[in-house]
PDB file of N, CA and C in Angstrom:
ATOM      1  N   UNK A   1      -8.625   1.260 -10.559  1.00  0.00           N
ATOM      2  CA  UNK A   1      -7.037   2.218  -9.609  1.00  0.00           C
ATOM      3  C   UNK A   1      -7.728   1.975  -8.262  1.00  0.00           C
ATOM      4  N   UNK A   2      -9.093   2.491  -7.463  1.00  0.00           N
ATOM      5  CA  UNK A   2      -8.701   2.031  -6.441  1.00  0.00           C
ATOM      6  C   UNK A   2      -8.965   1.041  -5.687  1.00  0.00           C
ATOM      7  N   UNK A   3      -9.529  -0.259  -6.293  1.00  0.00           N
ATOM      8  CA  UNK A   3      -9.408  -1.402  -6.249  1.00  0.00           C
ATOM      9  C   UNK A   3      -7.817  -2.167  -5.881  1.00  0.00           C
ATOM     10  N   UNK A   4      -7.223  -1.428  -7.026  1.00  0.00           N
ATOM     11  CA  UNK A   4      -5.837  -2.164  -6.828  1.00  0.00           C
ATOM     12  C   UNK A   4      -4.808  -1.874  -5.823  1.00  0.00           C
ATOM     13  N   UNK A   5      -4.985  -0.678  -5.321  1.00  0.00           N
ATOM     14  CA  UNK A   5      -4.609  -0.091  -3.865  1.00  0.00           C
ATOM     15  C   UNK A   5      -4.729  -1.335  -2.459  1.00  0.00           C
ATOM     16  N   UNK A   6      -5.932  -1.548  -2.640  1.00  0.00           N
ATOM     17  CA  UNK A   6      -6.233  -2.286  -1.225  1.00  0.00           C
ATOM     18  C   UNK A   6      -6.039  -3.692  -1.411  1.00  0.00           C
ATOM     19  N   UNK A   7      -6.207  -4.512  -2.977  1.00  0.00           N
ATOM     20  CA  UNK A   7      -5.490  -5.517  -3.256  1.00  0.00           C
ATOM     21  C   UNK A   7      -4.072  -5.728  -2.953  1.00  0.00           C
ATOM     22  N   UNK A   8      -3.311  -4.850  -3.470  1.00  0.00           N
ATOM     23  CA  UNK A   8      -1.872  -5.018  -3.657  1.00  0.00           C
ATOM     24  C   UNK A   8      -1.260  -4.747  -2.009  1.00  0.00           C
ATOM     25  N   UNK A   9      -2.277  -3.919  -1.393  1.00  0.00           N
ATOM     26  CA  UNK A   9      -1.500  -3.858   0.360  1.00  0.00           C
ATOM     27  C   UNK A   9      -2.142  -5.360   0.804  1.00  0.00           C
ATOM     28  N   UNK A  10      -3.251  -5.913   0.519  1.00  0.00           N
ATOM     29  CA  UNK A  10      -3.471  -7.384   1.095  1.00  0.00           C
ATOM     30  C   UNK A  10      -2.428  -8.468   0.718  1.00  0.00           C
ATOM     31  N   UNK A  11      -1.814  -8.284  -0.478  1.00  0.00           N
ATOM     32  CA  UNK A  11      -1.537  -9.305  -0.828  1.00  0.00           C
ATOM     33  C   UNK A  11       0.367  -8.932   0.221  1.00  0.00           C
ATOM     34  N   UNK A  12       0.522  -8.063   0.222  1.00  0.00           N
ATOM     35  CA  UNK A  12       2.077  -7.743   0.836  1.00  0.00           C
ATOM     36  C   UNK A  12       1.940  -7.917   2.347  1.00  0.00           C
ATOM     37  N   UNK A  13       0.368  -8.054   2.847  1.00  0.00           N
ATOM     38  CA  UNK A  13       0.257  -8.103   4.233  1.00  0.00           C
ATOM     39  C   UNK A  13       0.520  -9.778   4.248  1.00  0.00           C
ATOM     40  N   UNK A  14      -0.380 -10.304   3.350  1.00  0.00           N
ATOM     41  CA  UNK A  14      -0.636 -12.007   3.346  1.00  0.00           C
ATOM     42  C   UNK A  14       0.749 -12.168   2.926  1.00  0.00           C
ATOM     43  N   UNK A  15       1.795 -12.000   2.459  1.00  0.00           N
ATOM     44  CA  UNK A  15       3.262 -12.157   1.939  1.00  0.00           C
ATOM     45  C   UNK A  15       4.213 -12.012   3.396  1.00  0.00           C
ATOM     46  N   UNK A  16       3.654 -10.866   4.104  1.00  0.00           N
ATOM     47  CA  UNK A  16       4.921 -10.550   5.414  1.00  0.00           C
ATOM     48  C   UNK A  16       4.303 -11.982   6.476  1.00  0.00           C
ATOM     49  N   UNK A  17       2.897 -12.069   6.474  1.00  0.00           N
ATOM     50  CA  UNK A  17       2.527 -12.710   7.266  1.00  0.00           C
ATOM     51  C   UNK A  17       2.737 -13.993   7.236  1.00  0.00           C
ATOM     52  N   UNK A  18       2.790 -14.871   6.008  1.00  0.00           N
ATOM     53  CA  UNK A  18       3.360 -15.979   5.673  1.00  0.00           C
ATOM     54  C   UNK A  18       4.655 -16.260   5.901  1.00  0.00           C
ATOM     55  N   UNK A  19       5.544 -15.113   5.815  1.00  0.00           N
ATOM     56  CA  UNK A  19       7.069 -15.104   5.980  1.00  0.00           C
ATOM     57  C   UNK A  19       6.989 -15.196   7.794  1.00  0.00           C
ATOM     58  N   UNK A  20       6.318 -14.529   8.560  1.00  0.00           N
ATOM     59  CA  UNK A  20       6.287 -14.668   9.940  1.00  0.00           C
ATOM     60  C   UNK A  20       5.960 -15.696  10.264  1.00  0.00           C
ATOM     61  N   UNK A  21       4.968 -16.305   9.918  1.00  0.00           N
ATOM     62  CA  UNK A  21       4.430 -17.316  10.548  1.00  0.00           C
ATOM     63  C   UNK A  21       5.138 -18.811  10.040  1.00  0.00           C
ATOM     64  N   UNK A  22       6.005 -18.872   9.301  1.00  0.00           N
ATOM     65  CA  UNK A  22       6.992 -20.072   8.696  1.00  0.00           C
ATOM     66  C   UNK A  22       7.909 -19.997  10.314  1.00  0.00           C
ATOM     67  N   UNK A  23       8.295 -18.647  10.549  1.00  0.00           N
ATOM     68  CA  UNK A  23       9.204 -18.773  11.954  1.00  0.00           C
ATOM     69  C   UNK A  23       8.492 -19.379  13.307  1.00  0.00           C
ATOM     70  N   UNK A  24       6.913 -19.064  13.115  1.00  0.00           N
ATOM     71  CA  UNK A  24       6.379 -19.364  14.815  1.00  0.00           C
ATOM     72  C   UNK A  24       5.435 -19.893  14.379  1.00  0.00           C
ATOM     73  N   UNK A  25       5.687 -21.254  14.223  1.00  0.00           N
ATOM     74  CA  UNK A  25       4.628 -22.233  13.432  1.00  0.00           C
ATOM     75  C   UNK A  25       3.655 -22.664  14.461  1.00  0.00           C
ATOM     76  N   UNK A  26       1.887 -22.222  14.656  1.00  0.00           N
ATOM     77  CA  UNK A  26       1.591 -22.504  15.475  1.00  0.00           C
ATOM     78  C   UNK A  26       1.267 -23.849  15.497  1.00  0.00           C
ATOM     79  N   UNK A  27       0.964 -24.761  16.755  1.00  0.00           N
ATOM     80  CA  UNK A  27       1.051 -26.318  16.822  1.00  0.00           C
ATOM     81  C   UNK A  27      -0.480 -26.837  16.289  1.00  0.00           C
ATOM     82  N   UNK A  28      -1.695 -26.252  16.404  1.00  0.00           N
ATOM     83  CA  UNK A  28      -2.775 -26.646  15.450  1.00  0.00           C
ATOM     84  C   UNK A  28      -3.910 -26.114  14.550  1.00  0.00           C
ATOM     85  N   UNK A  29      -4.818 -26.302  13.894  1.00  0.00           N
ATOM     86  CA  UNK A  29      -5.340 -25.595  13.443  1.00  0.00           C
ATOM     87  C   UNK A  29      -6.174 -23.758  14.043  1.00  0.00           C
ATOM     88  N   UNK A  30      -6.608 -24.190  15.137  1.00  0.00           N
ATOM     89  CA  UNK A  30      -7.281 -23.253  15.605  1.00  0.00           C
ATOM     90  C   UNK A  30      -6.357 -22.240  15.936  1.00  0.00           C
ATOM     91  N   UNK A  31      -5.179 -22.834  16.686  1.00  0.00           N
ATOM     92  CA  UNK A  31      -3.774 -21.590  16.528  1.00  0.00           C
ATOM     93  C   UNK A  31      -3.781 -20.603  15.824  1.00  0.00           C
ATOM     94  N   UNK A  32      -3.689 -21.293  14.757  1.00  0.00           N
ATOM     95  CA  UNK A  32      -3.399 -21.066  13.068  1.00  0.00           C
ATOM     96  C   UNK A  32      -4.062 -19.701  12.678  1.00  0.00           C
ATOM     97  N   UNK A  33      -5.245 -20.490  12.869  1.00  0.00           N
ATOM     98  CA  UNK A  33      -6.630 -19.767  12.106  1.00  0.00           C
ATOM     99  C   UNK A  33      -6.627 -18.547  13.317  1.00  0.00           C
ATOM    100  N   UNK A  34      -6.760 -18.210  14.586  1.00  0.00           N
ATOM    101  CA  UNK A  34      -6.775 -16.929  15.349  1.00  0.00           C
ATOM    102  C   UNK A  34      -5.606 -16.505  15.167  1.00  0.00           C
ATOM    103  N   UNK A  35      -4.368 -16.603  14.937  1.00  0.00           N
ATOM    104  CA  UNK A  35      -3.282 -16.055  14.709  1.00  0.00           C
ATOM    105  C   UNK A  35      -3.323 -15.144  13.635  1.00  0.00           C
ATOM    106  N   UNK A  36      -3.621 -15.729  12.707  1.00  0.00           N
ATOM    107  CA  UNK A  36      -3.444 -15.205  11.343  1.00  0.00           C
ATOM    108  C   UNK A  36      -4.596 -14.363  11.184  1.00  0.00           C
ATOM    109  N   UNK A  37      -5.924 -14.562  11.450  1.00  0.00           N
ATOM    110  CA  UNK A  37      -7.232 -13.911  11.500  1.00  0.00           C
ATOM    111  C   UNK A  37      -6.960 -12.348  12.206  1.00  0.00           C
ATOM    112  N   UNK A  38      -6.232 -12.186  13.547  1.00  0.00           N
ATOM    113  CA  UNK A  38      -6.021 -11.456  14.418  1.00  0.00           C
ATOM    114  C   UNK A  38      -5.013 -10.660  13.637  1.00  0.00           C
ATOM    115  N   UNK A  39      -3.683 -10.963  12.911  1.00  0.00           N
ATOM    116  CA  UNK A  39      -2.832 -10.356  12.252  1.00  0.00           C
ATOM    117  C   UNK A  39      -3.579  -9.524  11.111  1.00  0.00           C
ATOM    118  N   UNK A  40      -4.148  -9.953  10.365  1.00  0.00           N
ATOM    119  CA  UNK A  40      -4.462  -9.713   9.620  1.00  0.00           C
ATOM    120  C   UNK A  40      -5.507  -8.428   9.910  1.00  0.00           C
ATOM    121  N   UNK A  41      -6.478  -9.098  10.664  1.00  0.00           N
ATOM    122  CA  UNK A  41      -7.654  -7.874  11.143  1.00  0.00           C
ATOM    123  C   UNK A  41      -6.830  -6.273  11.705  1.00  0.00           C
ATOM    124  N   UNK A  42      -5.623  -6.481  12.253  1.00  0.00           N
ATOM    125  CA  UNK A  42      -4.866  -5.516  13.345  1.00  0.00           C
ATOM    126  C   UNK A  42      -4.270  -4.345  11.872  1.00  0.00           C
ATOM    127  N   UNK A  43      -4.266  -5.250  10.588  1.00  0.00           N
ATOM    128  CA  UNK A  43      -3.644  -4.280   9.422  1.00  0.00           C
ATOM    129  C   UNK A  43      -4.503  -3.173   8.750  1.00  0.00           C
ATOM    130  N   UNK A  44      -5.972  -3.303   9.323  1.00  0.00           N
ATOM    131  CA  UNK A  44      -7.008  -2.501   8.696  1.00  0.00           C
ATOM    132  C   UNK A  44      -6.619  -1.310   8.673  1.00  0.00           C
ATOM    133  N   UNK A  45      -6.826  -0.392   7.712  1.00  0.00           N
ATOM    134  CA  UNK A  45      -6.330   1.211   7.738  1.00  0.00           C
ATOM    135  C   UNK A  45      -7.656   1.892   6.898  1.00  0.00           C
ATOM    136  N   UNK A  46      -8.001   3.042   7.252  1.00  0.00           N
ATOM    137  CA  UNK A  46      -9.073   3.678   6.316  1.00  0.00           C
ATOM    138  C   UNK A  46      -8.363   4.044   5.067  1.00  0.00           C
ATOM    139  N   UNK A  47      -7.214   4.006   4.745  1.00  0.00           N
ATOM    140  CA  UNK A  47      -6.391   4.342   3.327  1.00  0.00           C
ATOM    141  C   UNK A  47      -6.585   2.983   2.597  1.00  0.00           C
ATOM    142  N   UNK A  48      -7.392   2.115   2.868  1.00  0.00           N
ATOM    143  CA  UNK A  48      -7.456   0.691   1.959  1.00  0.00           C
ATOM    144  C   UNK A  48      -8.450   0.778   0.934  1.00  0.00           C
ATOM    145  N   UNK A  49      -9.414   1.904   1.737  1.00  0.00           N
ATOM    146  CA  UNK A  49     -11.005   2.088   0.665  1.00  0.00           C
ATOM    147  C   UNK A  49     -12.027   0.935   0.824  1.00  0.00           C
ATOM    148  N   UNK A  50     -11.590   0.318   2.113  1.00  0.00           N
ATOM    149  CA  UNK A  50     -12.420  -0.869   2.366  1.00  0.00           C
ATOM    150  C   UNK A  50     -12.838  -0.746   3.666  1.00  0.00           C
ATOM    151  N   UNK A  51     -14.176  -1.082   3.690  1.00  0.00           N
ATOM    152  CA  UNK A  51     -14.619  -1.115   5.037  1.00  0.00           C
ATOM    153  C   UNK A  51     -14.056  -2.061   6.250  1.00  0.00           C
ATOM    154  N   UNK A  52     -14.102  -1.636   7.445  1.00  0.00           N
ATOM    155  CA  UNK A  52     -13.552  -2.617   8.043  1.00  0.00           C
ATOM    156  C   UNK A  52     -14.072  -4.192   8.099  1.00  0.00           C
ATOM    157  N   UNK A  53     -15.602  -4.464   7.936  1.00  0.00           N
ATOM    158  CA  UNK A  53     -16.448  -5.217   7.644  1.00  0.00           C
ATOM    159  C   UNK A  53     -15.805  -6.132   6.342  1.00  0.00           C
ATOM    160  N   UNK A  54     -15.688  -5.133   5.424  1.00  0.00           N
ATOM    161  CA  UNK A  54     -15.050  -6.302   4.089  1.00  0.00           C
ATOM    162  C   UNK A  54     -13.945  -6.604   4.195  1.00  0.00           C
ATOM    163  N   UNK A  55     -13.128  -5.820   4.897  1.00  0.00           N
ATOM    164  CA  UNK A  55     -11.842  -6.009   5.026  1.00  0.00           C
ATOM    165  C   UNK A  55     -11.484  -7.344   6.182  1.00  0.00           C
ATOM    166  N   UNK A  56     -12.282  -7.473   7.196  1.00  0.00           N
ATOM    167  CA  UNK A  56     -12.371  -8.727   8.171  1.00  0.00           C
ATOM    168  C   UNK A  56     -12.964 -10.156   7.083  1.00  0.00           C
ATOM    169  N   UNK A  57     -13.838  -9.986   6.131  1.00  0.00           N
ATOM    170  CA  UNK A  57     -14.688 -10.787   5.261  1.00  0.00           C
ATOM    171  C   UNK A  57     -13.474 -11.214   4.672  1.00  0.00           C
ATOM    172  N   UNK A  58     -12.722 -10.860   3.795  1.00  0.00           N
ATOM    173  CA  UNK A  58     -11.847 -11.101   3.235  1.00  0.00           C
ATOM    174  C   UNK A  58     -10.414 -11.740   3.935  1.00  0.00           C
ATOM    175  N   UNK A  59     -10.247 -11.171   5.349  1.00  0.00           N
ATOM    176  CA  UNK A  59      -9.282 -11.452   6.339  1.00  0.00           C
ATOM    177  C   UNK A  59      -9.632 -13.271   6.161  1.00  0.00           C
ATOM    178  N   UNK A  60     -10.750 -12.976   7.146  1.00  0.00           N
ATOM    179  CA  UNK A  60     -11.546 -14.607   6.792  1.00  0.00           C
ATOM    180  C   UNK A  60     -11.191 -15.534   6.137  1.00  0.00           C
ATOM    181  N   UNK A  61     -11.593 -15.320   4.565  1.00  0.00           N
ATOM    182  CA  UNK A  61     -11.523 -16.191   3.629  1.00  0.00           C
ATOM    183  C   UNK A  61     -10.072 -16.657   3.346  1.00  0.00           C
ATOM    184  N   UNK A  62      -8.887 -15.194   3.282  1.00  0.00           N
ATOM    185  CA  UNK A  62      -7.456 -15.726   3.114  1.00  0.00           C
ATOM    186  C   UNK A  62      -7.207 -16.610   3.747  1.00  0.00           C
ATOM    187  N   UNK A  63      -7.553 -16.235   5.403  1.00  0.00           N
ATOM    188  CA  UNK A  63      -7.382 -17.320   6.372  1.00  0.00           C
ATOM    189  C   UNK A  63      -7.683 -18.516   6.161  1.00  0.00           C
ATOM    190  N   UNK A  64      -8.858 -18.674   6.203  1.00  0.00           N
ATOM    191  CA  UNK A  64      -9.304 -20.111   5.569  1.00  0.00           C
ATOM    192  C   UNK A  64      -8.583 -21.353   4.844  1.00  0.00           C
ATOM    193  N   UNK A  65      -8.398 -20.078   3.490  1.00  0.00           N
ATOM    194  CA  UNK A  65      -7.576 -20.703   2.220  1.00  0.00           C
ATOM    195  C   UNK A  65      -6.010 -21.330   2.827  1.00  0.00           C
ATOM    196  N   UNK A  66      -5.613 -20.191   3.453  1.00  0.00           N
ATOM    197  CA  UNK A  66      -4.523 -20.692   4.520  1.00  0.00           C
ATOM    198  C   UNK A  66      -4.187 -21.946   5.273  1.00  0.00           C
ATOM    199  N   UNK A  67      -5.312 -21.806   6.264  1.00  0.00           N
ATOM    200  CA  UNK A  67      -5.568 -22.747   7.123  1.00  0.00           C
ATOM    201  C   UNK A  67      -5.137 -24.189   6.519  1.00  0.00           C
ATOM    202  N   UNK A  68      -6.275 -24.222   5.287  1.00  0.00           N
ATOM    203  CA  UNK A  68      -6.582 -25.605   4.483  1.00  0.00           C
ATOM    204  C   UNK A  68      -5.281 -25.917   3.756  1.00  0.00           C
ATOM    205  N   UNK A  69      -4.626 -25.221   3.181  1.00  0.00           N
ATOM    206  CA  UNK A  69      -3.692 -25.191   2.508  1.00  0.00           C
ATOM    207  C   UNK A  69      -2.370 -25.715   3.356  1.00  0.00           C
ATOM    208  N   UNK A  70      -2.146 -25.399   4.689  1.00  0.00           N
ATOM    209  CA  UNK A  70      -0.828 -25.713   5.731  1.00  0.00           C
ATOM    210  C   UNK A  70      -1.357 -27.225   6.181  1.00  0.00           C
ATOM    211  N   UNK A  71      -3.106 -27.258   6.795  1.00  0.00           N
ATOM    212  CA  UNK A  71      -3.316 -28.531   7.000  1.00  0.00           C
ATOM    213  C   UNK A  71      -3.065 -29.813   5.827  1.00  0.00           C
ATOM    214  N   UNK A  72      -3.132 -29.377   4.729  1.00  0.00           N
ATOM    215  CA  UNK A  72      -2.967 -30.390   3.511  1.00  0.00           C
ATOM    216  C   UNK A  72      -1.299 -30.764   3.309  1.00  0.00           C
ATOM    217  N   UNK A  73      -0.626 -29.854   3.758  1.00  0.00           N
ATOM    218  CA  UNK A  73       0.981 -30.198   3.800  1.00  0.00           C
ATOM    219  C   UNK A  73       1.414 -30.984   4.635  1.00  0.00           C
TER     220      UNK A  73
END
């Protein structure tokens, strides 16, 4: 139960940021990575039951996957 809350929060965050990113598409891979990483990292909250370090690790992994996907499109 404790794990499902942060995962749901992270999924909602990623869905919202994807919708936002589609409206303001960055020009390069580096810009995408920086923009999405910052946005994800800014949404950390103590209520997530994850440490800030763990949150940023997940943000990095998700950002890497998103950049890879976008670059393949």
